[in-house]
Amino acid sequence: MTASETRNNVEKALEEIRPFLISDGGNIKLLSIEDTTVKVQLEGACTGCSVNQMTLKNGVEATIKKYAPEIKEVINVA
């Protein structure tokens, strides 16, 4: 898979997740994709949320891996 295809798939995954984050007063921004690692930034209410690591791993990372199985890890850059 090309870098462009991977980026498109990650963007599709984030579009699926974004409405849930927005409904809780947050959002997510794609910063970069480096090899098999996606770097994102949680925004709004998500930044101070006590369950944001759980959301990141169980929600965001799982959804991204569904669209782009080559991705191994998702990291939140504060």
Protein backbone atom coordinates (compact mmCIF):
# COMPACT_ATOMS: atom_id res chain seq x y z
CA MET A 1 0.00 0.00 0.00
CA THR A 2 1.32 3.46 -0.87
CA ALA A 3 1.79 6.24 1.67
CA SER A 4 -1.04 8.13 -0.03
CA GLU A 5 -3.43 5.16 0.27
CA THR A 6 -2.51 4.70 3.92
CA ARG A 7 -3.14 8.39 4.61
CA ASN A 8 -6.52 8.23 2.85
CA ASN A 9 -7.50 5.17 4.91
CA VAL A 10 -6.43 6.84 8.16
CA GLU A 11 -8.45 9.94 7.22
CA LYS A 12 -11.51 7.72 6.54
CA ALA A 13 -11.09 6.15 9.99
CA LEU A 14 -10.86 9.57 11.65
CA GLU A 15 -14.00 10.71 9.81
CA GLU A 16 -15.82 7.73 11.32
CA ILE A 17 -14.58 8.56 14.84
CA ARG A 18 -14.88 12.36 14.71
CA PRO A 19 -18.69 12.65 15.24
CA PHE A 20 -18.40 10.76 18.54
CA LEU A 21 -15.59 13.01 19.75
CA ILE A 22 -17.42 16.16 18.64
CA SER A 23 -20.57 15.06 20.48
CA ASP A 24 -18.45 15.02 23.67
CA GLY A 25 -16.98 18.47 22.93
CA GLY A 26 -13.71 17.23 21.45
CA ASN A 27 -12.07 16.52 18.12
CA ILE A 28 -9.00 14.86 16.62
CA LYS A 29 -6.41 16.08 14.13
CA LEU A 30 -4.01 13.94 12.08
CA LEU A 31 -0.48 15.25 12.52
CA SER A 32 1.63 12.69 10.69
CA ILE A 33 2.14 9.09 9.69
CA GLU A 34 5.66 7.79 10.25
CA ASP A 35 6.24 4.21 9.09
CA THR A 36 3.58 2.26 11.03
CA THR A 37 2.86 4.96 13.63
CA VAL A 38 0.09 7.53 13.38
CA LYS A 39 0.49 10.76 15.35
CA VAL A 40 -2.72 12.58 16.25
CA GLN A 41 -3.71 15.46 18.46
CA LEU A 42 -6.81 15.20 20.62
CA GLU A 43 -8.52 18.59 20.87
CA GLY A 44 -11.15 20.37 22.93
CA ALA A 45 -12.70 18.39 25.77
CA CYS A 46 -10.58 15.37 24.77
CA THR A 47 -7.35 16.99 25.96
CA GLY A 48 -8.27 16.96 29.65
CA CYS A 49 -10.49 13.90 29.59
CA SER A 50 -9.49 11.21 32.08
CA VAL A 51 -10.36 8.42 29.63
CA ASN A 52 -8.59 9.87 26.59
CA GLN A 53 -5.91 7.12 26.60
CA MET A 54 -8.65 4.49 26.61
CA THR A 55 -10.45 6.35 23.81
CA LEU A 56 -7.19 6.60 21.88
CA LYS A 57 -6.36 2.87 22.13
CA ASN A 58 -9.80 1.25 22.09
CA GLY A 59 -11.56 3.68 19.76
CA VAL A 60 -9.15 5.58 17.57
CA GLU A 61 -6.38 2.99 17.21
CA ALA A 62 -8.81 0.10 16.67
CA THR A 63 -10.74 2.01 13.99
CA ILE A 64 -7.56 3.12 12.20
CA LYS A 65 -6.26 -0.47 12.18
CA LYS A 66 -9.58 -1.60 10.67
CA TYR A 67 -9.05 0.78 7.73
CA ALA A 68 -5.24 0.56 7.60
CA PRO A 69 -4.02 -2.77 9.06
CA GLU A 70 -0.39 -1.83 8.41
CA ILE A 71 -0.61 0.75 11.23
CA LYS A 72 0.79 -0.63 14.49
CA GLU A 73 0.38 2.29 16.89
CA VAL A 74 -1.47 5.57 17.38
CA ILE A 75 0.13 8.25 19.57
CA ASN A 76 -1.47 11.41 20.92
CA VAL A 77 0.90 14.40 20.71
CA ALA A 78 -0.19 16.94 23.31
